[in-house]
Amino acid sequence: MRLRHGRLLAGLCLGATFPLLWFAAWQGSRGNDLDTYESQFLELRQRLLYAEKENKRRSHELSSALDEIRRIVATRANLTTNLTDDMKLKIANLPRKLPMHLTNMHYYLPHLREYEDGIFPDVIFGQQRTGVSLVMGIPTVKREKKNYLISTLHSLLHGLSEEQEKDCVIIIFVAELEDDIIAKPDYIASIKSFAAQQSQDWMVLEFSQLGFIGKLFKSEDLPLIVEFFLMFYKDKPVDWLIDHLLWVKVCNPEKDAAHCEQEKSKFRIRAKPSLFQHMGIHSSLAGKIQNLKDKDFGKNVLHKAHKNPPAEVDTSLRIYQQYTLEKIYKGEDCFWASAPVAGDYIRFTFLNPLKVEKYFFRSGNMEHPGDKLFNTTVEVLPADEMQKKELVDAGNKFNYPATKDGYLKIGAFENGIAEGSINQSIGRIKAIRLSISSDSPVWAILSEVLIKTSEN
C-alpha cells in the first residue's frame, strides 16, 4: 500500500503544489475510501499530462506564426530595397502630395479603408502636368434625363489659346455639386486679372453668385478648406460651409453681425459680372426641376455679327423656329437647324461675283457648344466658266479638289471652325457652299459668318 501511495505522490509533484496539500489532508481519511481517492488521483494526473501536451502544441503553433511574420517582413524589406530610385522618390513624395494625413481622411471617408486607391484618379489625361496657374474641378453625377458634362467641357475649352490650355488642368470627379454651366469667352484671362488686383489676404474669389459655382481658392489654403469640408460635408452643403469657415476664422463673438459680415467680405470677394452661368434644369435628384440663373451673368452672346456682302442664302437643312440662315448672315441671330445628314448644304450666292479674300465660319455657341458642323467642307464656285475649267484642270496645282458641279474645295471645319484665305488666282467667286459629307448625331448651329472681300 505504501508503494502505491509513493507512486501517486511522485506523480503529483510533476503537476502542481495544490494536489500535495490535498494529499496530506487525505492521509487522515478512512482506509476504506482509499480506492476511490486513488481513482481520482489517476484521473487528475491524466488531465495534467494532457494540459502539458496541449501547451507544447500551442507553443509550437505560436512559434511557427512568428516565423511567418518575420519572413513576410523580410520579404517586404527586400522589395523596398529593390525599388528603383524613381519609385522611391514617388513613395517619398506621396504624403506631401496629399491634402491631409491619410488617417484623417480614412476617419471622415471610411469607405477608403476598403478602397485605398479610391482617392487617386482612375483616368489621367494631360501627361500629369504640374505647375499650372489654374486647376478646375468639375463634379458630375448621373442624371435620369440629360447629361450636361460634355457641354460644360466644350464651354470651358471653347476659344482657349494654346498657352491657356497648357496653363490649366481640368479634374472631373463623381459627386453632387454642378456640371451644367457655361463660361464667358476669355474667362481665364478675366480670372487672372481679377486675382492680380487683390491683396494677399483673400481666401475665396467668387465668379458666380450661385451655390458653389465659380469659386477660386489659393492652393496654400486648400488643406484647411478641404479638411473643414470633410468634417461637416454630411451636415451642410459646401457653399454653406465656406461661410461657416470664414465666420470661425474672422468673426468676433463679442461683435455684432454687421461687423462679422464686414470682416468676411475681406476674405470672400465677388467679381461682377459673373463669368459662369448655371444652364441645366434637370436636377440630379429624381423628378426635380432646377431653374437657377445668375442675374449678374448678363445676356448670353450667342452669335457674333459681321458686315457681309449682299447675297442670297439657302440651305437643305431643316431650320429650327426663328433661327434662320438670313439672320446669322446679317448678324441678327444665330442659325440653328436639326441634325444634318450626308449631302446637306448651306450656300451663300452673291448678287454680283466678288473677289473674296478670306472667310470665317464658327459653329456651336456658348449655350450649345456641342452643336457643331462635322465633316463639312468649304467650297467656292468661280464665276468665270473658262477660268473655272482651267482651275479644275489645274486643281492639283492649287490643291483644290473639284466637285462634279464645278465647286472647288478650299477648306474644312476643324473643331467647329473653318477659316482661311482664298487664292486670288481663282478670280471672282459666284458662291460659297458648306457641304456636309456625313450624318451628324447633334443639331447644327452657325454662330458667326464672315466673308471678307476687297470691297468690305
Protein backbone atom coordinates (compact mmCIF):
# COMPACT_ATOMS: atom_id res chain seq x y z
CA MET A 1 0.00 0.00 0.00
CA ARG A 2 2.84 2.35 0.77
CA LEU A 3 4.37 1.66 -2.65
CA ARG A 4 1.19 2.66 -4.37
CA HIS A 5 0.92 5.80 -2.27
CA GLY A 6 4.52 6.73 -3.01
CA ARG A 7 3.96 6.36 -6.70
CA LEU A 8 0.97 8.68 -6.53
CA LEU A 9 2.90 11.31 -4.60
CA ALA A 10 5.69 11.33 -7.19
CA GLY A 11 3.20 11.86 -9.98
CA LEU A 12 1.58 14.80 -8.21
CA CYS A 13 4.93 16.53 -7.78
CA LEU A 14 5.20 16.69 -11.55
CA GLY A 15 1.94 18.59 -11.66
CA ALA A 16 1.39 21.30 -9.02
CA THR A 17 1.62 22.18 -5.31
CA PHE A 18 -2.10 22.22 -4.54
CA PRO A 19 -2.60 18.42 -5.01
CA LEU A 20 0.18 17.79 -2.44
CA LEU A 21 -1.76 19.68 0.21
CA TRP A 22 -4.86 17.83 -0.75
CA PHE A 23 -2.90 14.51 -0.41
CA ALA A 24 -1.82 15.48 3.14
CA ALA A 25 -5.44 16.02 4.08
CA TRP A 26 -6.32 12.73 2.55
CA GLN A 27 -3.84 10.81 4.87
CA GLY A 28 -6.29 11.12 7.73
CA SER A 29 -9.13 9.55 5.78
CA ARG A 30 -10.63 6.28 6.46
CA GLY A 31 -8.92 3.30 4.83
CA ASN A 32 -11.99 2.02 3.06
CA ASP A 33 -12.01 5.18 0.91
CA LEU A 34 -8.50 4.57 -0.46
CA ASP A 35 -9.66 3.05 -3.73
CA THR A 36 -11.97 5.96 -4.52
CA TYR A 37 -9.27 8.56 -3.84
CA GLU A 38 -6.69 6.63 -5.84
CA SER A 39 -9.00 6.64 -8.86
CA GLN A 40 -9.48 10.41 -8.55
CA PHE A 41 -5.70 10.94 -8.35
CA LEU A 42 -5.17 8.93 -11.54
CA GLU A 43 -7.81 10.96 -13.37
CA LEU A 44 -6.23 14.22 -12.18
CA ARG A 45 -2.81 13.10 -13.34
CA GLN A 46 -4.12 12.31 -16.81
CA ARG A 47 -5.66 15.73 -17.09
CA LEU A 48 -2.39 17.44 -16.10
CA LEU A 49 -0.43 15.41 -18.64
CA TYR A 50 -2.98 16.37 -21.36
CA ALA A 51 -2.72 20.06 -20.41
CA GLU A 52 1.06 19.93 -20.64
CA LYS A 53 0.88 18.30 -24.08
CA GLU A 54 -1.66 20.93 -25.28
CA ASN A 55 0.56 23.78 -24.06
CA LYS A 56 3.50 22.39 -26.03
CA ARG A 57 1.37 22.12 -29.19
CA ARG A 58 0.12 25.70 -28.94
CA SER A 59 3.61 26.96 -28.20
CA HIS A 60 4.80 25.31 -31.40
CA GLU A 61 1.95 26.94 -33.41
CA LEU A 62 2.81 30.37 -31.99
CA SER A 63 6.46 29.90 -32.86
CA SER A 64 5.52 28.99 -36.44
CA ALA A 65 3.32 32.07 -36.73
CA LEU A 66 6.13 34.32 -35.51
CA ASP A 67 8.49 32.77 -38.06
CA GLU A 68 5.95 33.51 -40.84
CA ILE A 69 5.63 37.14 -39.72
CA ARG A 70 9.42 37.52 -39.76
CA ARG A 71 9.53 36.04 -43.28
CA ILE A 72 6.87 38.46 -44.60
CA VAL A 73 8.63 41.46 -43.03
CA ALA A 74 11.92 40.37 -44.55
CA THR A 75 10.30 39.90 -47.97
CA ARG A 76 8.80 43.40 -47.91
CA ALA A 77 12.11 44.84 -46.80
CA ASN A 78 13.80 43.18 -49.81
CA LEU A 79 11.12 44.57 -52.16
CA THR A 80 11.71 48.08 -50.83
CA THR A 81 15.43 47.64 -51.30
CA ASN A 82 14.92 46.61 -54.94
CA LEU A 83 12.76 49.63 -55.82
CA THR A 84 14.11 51.95 -58.49
CA ASP A 85 15.21 55.42 -57.49
CA ASP A 86 12.22 56.87 -59.35
CA MET A 87 9.77 54.65 -57.44
CA LYS A 88 11.37 55.52 -54.12
CA LEU A 89 11.06 59.21 -54.96
CA LYS A 90 7.36 58.84 -55.74
CA ILE A 91 6.74 56.98 -52.47
CA ALA A 92 8.70 59.55 -50.50
CA ASN A 93 6.75 62.41 -52.05
CA LEU A 94 3.32 60.78 -51.72
CA PRO A 95 2.46 62.07 -48.21
CA ARG A 96 3.38 65.61 -49.20
CA LYS A 97 1.11 65.49 -52.24
CA LEU A 98 -1.98 64.54 -50.26
CA PRO A 99 -4.02 67.42 -48.82
CA MET A 100 -4.10 65.84 -45.36
CA HIS A 101 -2.95 62.83 -43.37
CA LEU A 102 -4.44 59.58 -44.55
CA THR A 103 -5.55 58.78 -41.00
CA ASN A 104 -7.83 61.82 -41.00
CA MET A 105 -9.10 61.05 -44.49
CA HIS A 106 -9.96 57.48 -43.53
CA TYR A 107 -11.79 58.74 -40.48
CA TYR A 108 -14.04 61.07 -42.47
CA LEU A 109 -14.27 58.83 -45.54
CA PRO A 110 -14.33 55.32 -44.05
CA HIS A 111 -15.07 53.68 -47.42
CA LEU A 112 -11.46 54.42 -48.38
CA ARG A 113 -10.30 51.81 -45.86
CA GLU A 114 -11.63 49.16 -48.21
CA TYR A 115 -10.69 51.01 -51.40
CA GLU A 116 -7.39 52.72 -50.64
CA ASP A 117 -6.89 53.67 -54.30
CA GLY A 118 -10.24 55.48 -54.36
CA ILE A 119 -8.54 58.80 -53.61
CA PHE A 120 -6.47 58.61 -56.81
CA PRO A 121 -7.83 59.29 -60.34
CA ASP A 122 -8.96 56.33 -62.44
CA VAL A 123 -8.09 58.07 -65.72
CA ILE A 124 -5.45 60.74 -66.32
CA PHE A 125 -5.06 62.79 -69.50
CA GLY A 126 -2.55 65.59 -69.91
CA GLN A 127 0.71 63.82 -69.10
CA GLN A 128 0.38 64.58 -65.35
CA ARG A 129 1.22 68.25 -65.85
CA THR A 130 2.08 70.29 -62.76
CA GLY A 131 2.89 73.92 -62.09
CA VAL A 132 -0.19 75.34 -63.83
CA SER A 133 -1.85 78.55 -62.68
CA LEU A 134 -5.42 77.25 -62.68
CA VAL A 135 -6.95 73.89 -61.71
CA MET A 136 -10.68 73.49 -62.43
CA GLY A 137 -12.75 70.84 -60.68
CA ILE A 138 -15.99 69.61 -62.25
CA PRO A 139 -18.13 67.37 -60.03
CA THR A 140 -20.54 65.28 -62.09
CA VAL A 141 -23.35 62.88 -61.31
CA LYS A 142 -25.57 60.64 -63.43
CA ARG A 143 -28.92 62.26 -64.25
CA GLU A 144 -32.04 60.49 -65.38
CA LYS A 145 -32.96 62.74 -68.32
CA LYS A 146 -29.93 64.64 -69.57
CA ASN A 147 -26.15 64.77 -69.24
CA TYR A 148 -24.53 68.21 -69.15
CA LEU A 149 -20.88 67.28 -68.68
CA ILE A 150 -19.82 67.33 -72.34
CA SER A 151 -21.48 70.70 -72.94
CA THR A 152 -19.72 72.12 -69.88
CA LEU A 153 -16.35 70.87 -71.12
CA HIS A 154 -17.00 72.35 -74.56
CA SER A 155 -17.83 75.69 -72.97
CA LEU A 156 -14.71 75.71 -70.78
CA LEU A 157 -12.38 74.76 -73.64
CA HIS A 158 -14.07 76.85 -76.31
CA GLY A 159 -11.78 79.59 -77.61
CA LEU A 160 -8.83 78.90 -75.29
CA SER A 161 -5.45 79.80 -76.69
CA GLU A 162 -2.70 77.19 -76.79
CA GLU A 163 -0.94 78.98 -73.94
CA GLN A 164 -4.11 78.98 -71.81
CA GLU A 165 -4.68 75.28 -72.46
CA LYS A 166 -1.17 74.48 -71.22
CA ASP A 167 -1.62 76.64 -68.11
CA CYS A 168 -4.75 74.90 -66.78
CA VAL A 169 -5.81 71.42 -65.67
CA ILE A 170 -9.38 70.09 -65.51
CA ILE A 171 -10.31 67.42 -62.93
CA ILE A 172 -13.62 65.57 -63.25
CA PHE A 173 -14.88 63.66 -60.23
CA VAL A 174 -18.11 61.91 -59.28
CA ALA A 175 -20.04 63.94 -56.71
CA GLU A 176 -23.22 66.11 -56.36
CA LEU A 177 -22.18 69.82 -56.87
CA GLU A 178 -22.51 71.42 -60.50
CA ASP A 179 -21.59 70.04 -64.04
CA ASP A 180 -24.09 72.11 -66.03
CA ILE A 181 -22.54 75.54 -66.57
CA ILE A 182 -21.35 77.74 -69.40
CA ALA A 183 -18.40 80.13 -69.27
CA LYS A 184 -17.97 83.56 -70.79
CA PRO A 185 -15.38 84.00 -73.54
CA ASP A 186 -11.84 84.58 -72.28
CA TYR A 187 -12.87 83.72 -68.73
CA ILE A 188 -9.36 82.55 -67.82
CA ALA A 189 -7.83 85.95 -68.58
CA SER A 190 -10.60 87.62 -66.57
CA ILE A 191 -9.98 85.35 -63.56
CA LYS A 192 -6.23 86.00 -63.59
CA SER A 193 -6.71 89.74 -63.99
CA PHE A 194 -9.19 89.96 -61.10
CA ALA A 195 -6.99 87.83 -58.82
CA ALA A 196 -3.96 90.01 -59.58
CA GLN A 197 -5.86 93.08 -58.41
CA GLN A 198 -6.50 91.66 -54.93
CA SER A 199 -4.35 91.74 -51.82
CA GLN A 200 -2.86 88.53 -50.43
CA ASP A 201 -5.47 88.28 -47.65
CA TRP A 202 -8.35 86.82 -49.68
CA MET A 203 -9.42 83.21 -49.20
CA VAL A 204 -12.08 82.81 -51.91
CA LEU A 205 -12.85 84.78 -55.07
CA GLU A 206 -16.35 84.24 -56.47
CA PHE A 207 -17.06 84.43 -60.19
CA SER A 208 -20.71 83.40 -59.84
CA GLN A 209 -23.24 84.16 -57.14
CA LEU A 210 -24.90 80.72 -57.36
CA GLY A 211 -24.08 77.89 -54.96
CA PHE A 212 -20.53 76.64 -55.28
CA ILE A 213 -20.10 77.60 -58.96
CA GLY A 214 -17.01 79.57 -59.99
CA LYS A 215 -15.21 79.66 -56.64
CA LEU A 216 -11.44 80.23 -56.69
CA PHE A 217 -9.11 79.26 -53.82
CA LYS A 218 -5.38 79.63 -53.36
CA SER A 219 -3.51 76.33 -53.26
CA GLU A 220 -1.95 77.20 -49.89
CA ASP A 221 -5.43 77.42 -48.32
CA LEU A 222 -6.73 74.14 -49.73
CA PRO A 223 -5.60 71.82 -46.86
CA LEU A 224 -7.55 73.87 -44.31
CA ILE A 225 -10.62 74.21 -46.54
CA VAL A 226 -10.71 70.55 -47.58
CA GLU A 227 -10.33 69.29 -44.02
CA PHE A 228 -13.14 71.58 -42.86
CA PHE A 229 -15.37 70.29 -45.65
CA LEU A 230 -14.52 66.68 -44.77
CA MET A 231 -15.58 67.19 -41.19
CA PHE A 232 -19.01 68.64 -41.98
CA TYR A 233 -19.96 67.74 -45.57
CA LYS A 234 -22.62 65.32 -44.31
CA ASP A 235 -24.27 68.08 -42.28
CA LYS A 236 -24.47 71.02 -44.69
CA PRO A 237 -23.77 71.91 -48.37
CA VAL A 238 -20.25 73.14 -49.04
CA ASP A 239 -21.41 76.62 -50.11
CA TRP A 240 -22.80 76.99 -46.59
CA LEU A 241 -19.69 75.51 -45.04
CA ILE A 242 -17.37 78.06 -46.62
CA ASP A 243 -19.38 80.80 -44.93
CA HIS A 244 -19.09 78.97 -41.59
CA LEU A 245 -15.35 78.58 -42.09
CA LEU A 246 -14.96 82.31 -42.64
CA TRP A 247 -17.10 83.00 -39.55
CA VAL A 248 -14.79 80.84 -37.45
CA LYS A 249 -11.73 82.48 -38.97
CA VAL A 250 -12.56 86.19 -38.73
CA CYS A 251 -15.75 86.87 -36.75
CA ASN A 252 -15.62 88.03 -33.12
CA PRO A 253 -18.46 86.68 -30.93
CA GLU A 254 -18.35 89.93 -28.97
CA LYS A 255 -19.08 91.99 -32.11
CA ASP A 256 -22.38 92.34 -33.95
CA ALA A 257 -23.45 90.66 -37.23
CA ALA A 258 -22.62 93.74 -39.30
CA HIS A 259 -19.01 93.66 -38.12
CA CYS A 260 -18.84 89.94 -38.92
CA GLU A 261 -20.07 90.46 -42.49
CA GLN A 262 -17.59 93.28 -42.96
CA GLU A 263 -14.69 91.08 -41.85
CA LYS A 264 -15.80 88.16 -44.03
CA SER A 265 -16.03 90.44 -47.06
CA LYS A 266 -12.26 90.99 -46.83
CA PHE A 267 -11.67 87.28 -47.39
CA ARG A 268 -14.60 86.48 -49.70
CA ILE A 269 -14.66 88.77 -52.72
CA ARG A 270 -17.12 88.55 -55.61
CA ALA A 271 -16.35 89.64 -59.15
CA LYS A 272 -19.00 91.28 -61.36
CA PRO A 273 -20.26 90.50 -63.88
CA SER A 274 -20.28 86.75 -63.27
CA LEU A 275 -18.19 84.56 -65.56
CA PHE A 276 -20.22 81.36 -65.19
CA GLN A 277 -23.91 80.63 -65.61
CA HIS A 278 -25.99 77.67 -64.48
CA MET A 279 -27.70 76.14 -67.51
CA GLY A 280 -29.29 72.81 -66.61
CA ILE A 281 -32.86 72.40 -65.47
CA HIS A 282 -32.82 68.65 -64.73
CA SER A 283 -31.52 68.09 -61.20
CA SER A 284 -29.55 65.03 -60.14
CA LEU A 285 -32.46 64.38 -57.76
CA ALA A 286 -35.15 62.32 -59.48
CA GLY A 287 -38.05 64.42 -60.77
CA LYS A 288 -36.66 67.76 -59.59
CA ILE A 289 -36.51 70.76 -61.94
CA GLN A 290 -33.96 73.41 -61.02
CA ASN A 291 -34.20 76.76 -62.85
CA LEU A 292 -31.31 78.58 -61.17
CA LYS A 293 -29.90 81.57 -63.08
CA ASP A 294 -27.19 84.07 -62.14
CA LYS A 295 -28.64 87.54 -62.72
CA ASP A 296 -25.13 89.04 -62.78
CA PHE A 297 -24.07 86.90 -65.73
CA GLY A 298 -25.80 89.15 -68.23
CA LYS A 299 -27.28 88.19 -71.56
CA ASN A 300 -25.58 85.32 -73.33
CA VAL A 301 -23.79 86.33 -76.52
CA LEU A 302 -24.86 83.50 -78.80
CA HIS A 303 -23.68 84.97 -82.11
CA LYS A 304 -21.18 87.47 -83.48
CA ALA A 305 -22.20 89.98 -86.13
CA HIS A 306 -20.22 90.95 -89.23
CA LYS A 307 -20.97 93.10 -92.25
CA ASN A 308 -21.10 90.66 -95.15
CA PRO A 309 -21.58 91.42 -98.87
CA PRO A 310 -25.10 91.19 -100.35
CA ALA A 311 -26.05 87.60 -101.08
CA GLU A 312 -28.91 85.14 -101.35
CA VAL A 313 -28.78 82.33 -98.82
CA ASP A 314 -30.32 78.88 -98.93
CA THR A 315 -29.92 75.54 -97.17
CA SER A 316 -31.21 71.97 -97.34
CA LEU A 317 -31.22 71.78 -93.54
CA ARG A 318 -34.42 71.87 -91.54
CA ILE A 319 -34.43 75.24 -89.75
CA TYR A 320 -35.40 75.39 -86.07
CA GLN A 321 -38.02 78.03 -85.17
CA GLN A 322 -36.87 81.60 -85.95
CA TYR A 323 -33.14 80.83 -86.23
CA THR A 324 -32.87 81.33 -90.00
CA LEU A 325 -29.78 81.45 -92.19
CA GLU A 326 -30.58 85.04 -93.18
CA LYS A 327 -30.29 86.18 -89.56
CA ILE A 328 -26.77 84.87 -88.99
CA TYR A 329 -25.60 86.26 -92.35
CA LYS A 330 -26.92 89.70 -91.38
CA GLY A 331 -25.58 89.38 -87.80
CA GLU A 332 -29.02 89.44 -86.17
CA ASP A 333 -29.08 85.98 -84.56
CA CYS A 334 -27.55 82.52 -84.87
CA PHE A 335 -28.61 79.88 -87.40
CA TRP A 336 -29.91 76.65 -85.90
CA ALA A 337 -31.04 73.50 -87.70
CA SER A 338 -31.86 69.90 -86.88
CA ALA A 339 -29.24 67.17 -87.22
CA PRO A 340 -27.59 67.28 -90.67
CA VAL A 341 -27.26 64.24 -92.92
CA ALA A 342 -24.78 63.47 -95.65
CA GLY A 343 -25.46 65.67 -98.70
CA ASP A 344 -26.90 68.62 -96.78
CA TYR A 345 -25.51 72.06 -97.57
CA ILE A 346 -25.50 75.75 -96.60
CA ARG A 347 -24.99 78.17 -99.52
CA PHE A 348 -24.27 81.88 -99.94
CA THR A 349 -24.77 83.12 -103.53
CA PHE A 350 -23.51 86.66 -104.17
CA LEU A 351 -25.71 89.07 -106.10
CA ASN A 352 -22.59 90.07 -108.04
CA PRO A 353 -19.46 87.90 -108.33
CA LEU A 354 -16.82 89.08 -105.86
CA LYS A 355 -13.14 88.73 -105.12
CA VAL A 356 -13.15 87.10 -101.68
CA GLU A 357 -10.01 87.49 -99.59
CA LYS A 358 -10.83 85.33 -96.58
CA TYR A 359 -13.65 83.51 -94.81
CA PHE A 360 -14.52 82.54 -91.23
CA PHE A 361 -17.33 80.26 -90.05
CA ARG A 362 -17.95 79.28 -86.42
CA SER A 363 -20.39 76.55 -85.40
CA GLY A 364 -21.80 75.98 -81.91
CA ASN A 365 -22.24 78.69 -79.26
CA MET A 366 -21.97 79.20 -75.51
CA GLU A 367 -25.26 77.56 -74.62
CA HIS A 368 -24.89 74.70 -77.10
CA PRO A 369 -21.16 74.32 -77.70
CA GLY A 370 -21.61 70.76 -78.97
CA ASP A 371 -23.91 71.69 -81.85
CA LYS A 372 -21.09 71.93 -84.37
CA LEU A 373 -20.61 71.13 -88.02
CA PHE A 374 -18.61 67.92 -88.52
CA ASN A 375 -17.15 66.51 -91.74
CA THR A 376 -18.04 69.71 -93.55
CA THR A 377 -16.03 71.29 -96.36
CA VAL A 378 -15.88 74.91 -97.59
CA GLU A 379 -16.33 75.17 -101.35
CA VAL A 380 -16.30 78.11 -103.80
CA LEU A 381 -17.81 78.46 -107.27
CA PRO A 382 -15.64 80.54 -109.66
CA ALA A 383 -17.70 83.00 -111.73
CA ASP A 384 -15.66 82.72 -114.95
CA GLU A 385 -16.58 79.49 -116.76
CA MET A 386 -13.36 79.45 -118.76
CA GLN A 387 -11.25 80.12 -115.71
CA LYS A 388 -13.25 77.55 -113.75
CA LYS A 389 -12.37 74.90 -116.36
CA GLU A 390 -8.72 75.87 -116.20
CA LEU A 391 -8.78 75.72 -112.42
CA VAL A 392 -10.47 72.32 -112.42
CA ASP A 393 -7.87 71.03 -114.84
CA ALA A 394 -5.12 72.53 -112.67
CA GLY A 395 -6.78 71.52 -109.42
CA ASN A 396 -3.81 69.54 -108.21
CA LYS A 397 -1.57 72.57 -108.70
CA PHE A 398 -3.60 74.64 -106.24
CA ASN A 399 -4.52 71.63 -104.08
CA TYR A 400 -8.21 72.44 -104.60
CA PRO A 401 -10.17 69.25 -105.42
CA ALA A 402 -13.17 69.89 -107.65
CA THR A 403 -16.74 68.64 -107.25
CA LYS A 404 -18.88 67.32 -110.08
CA ASP A 405 -20.89 70.55 -110.24
CA GLY A 406 -17.81 72.77 -110.55
CA TYR A 407 -17.11 73.88 -106.96
CA LEU A 408 -13.57 73.89 -105.59
CA LYS A 409 -12.92 72.54 -102.08
CA ILE A 410 -10.77 75.16 -100.38
CA GLY A 411 -11.12 74.27 -96.69
CA ALA A 412 -12.89 72.26 -93.97
CA PHE A 413 -14.25 72.60 -90.45
CA GLU A 414 -11.93 71.65 -87.61
CA ASN A 415 -13.27 71.61 -84.06
CA GLY A 416 -16.31 73.55 -85.22
CA ILE A 417 -14.42 76.32 -87.06
CA ALA A 418 -13.49 76.87 -90.69
CA GLU A 419 -11.23 79.78 -91.67
CA GLY A 420 -8.71 80.65 -94.32
CA SER A 421 -7.55 82.90 -97.12
CA ILE A 422 -8.57 82.35 -100.74
CA ASN A 423 -6.01 82.18 -103.52
CA GLN A 424 -6.67 85.22 -105.73
CA SER A 425 -5.87 83.21 -108.84
CA ILE A 426 -9.39 81.77 -108.52
CA GLY A 427 -10.69 85.16 -109.55
CA ARG A 428 -14.20 86.34 -108.78
CA ILE A 429 -16.44 83.98 -106.86
CA LYS A 430 -20.11 83.45 -107.53
CA ALA A 431 -20.98 81.39 -104.42
CA ILE A 432 -19.61 79.81 -101.24
CA ARG A 433 -21.05 76.49 -100.07
CA LEU A 434 -20.66 74.47 -96.87
CA SER A 435 -21.12 70.79 -97.83
CA ILE A 436 -21.81 68.12 -95.19
CA SER A 437 -20.46 64.68 -96.03
CA SER A 438 -21.76 62.51 -93.15
CA ASP A 439 -24.73 62.20 -90.81
CA SER A 440 -24.43 64.03 -87.51
CA PRO A 441 -25.82 62.91 -84.10
CA VAL A 442 -26.27 66.54 -82.99
CA TRP A 443 -28.01 69.63 -84.30
CA ALA A 444 -26.01 72.34 -86.07
CA ILE A 445 -25.55 75.99 -85.15
CA LEU A 446 -23.77 78.70 -87.11
CA SER A 447 -22.90 81.46 -84.63
CA GLU A 448 -20.52 83.50 -86.80
CA VAL A 449 -20.19 84.10 -90.54
CA LEU A 450 -17.53 86.40 -92.01
CA ILE A 451 -16.87 86.78 -95.74
CA LYS A 452 -14.16 89.36 -96.34
CA THR A 453 -13.92 90.87 -99.84
CA SER A 454 -11.72 93.57 -101.31
CA GLU A 455 -14.76 95.86 -101.18
CA ASN A 456 -15.58 95.45 -97.47
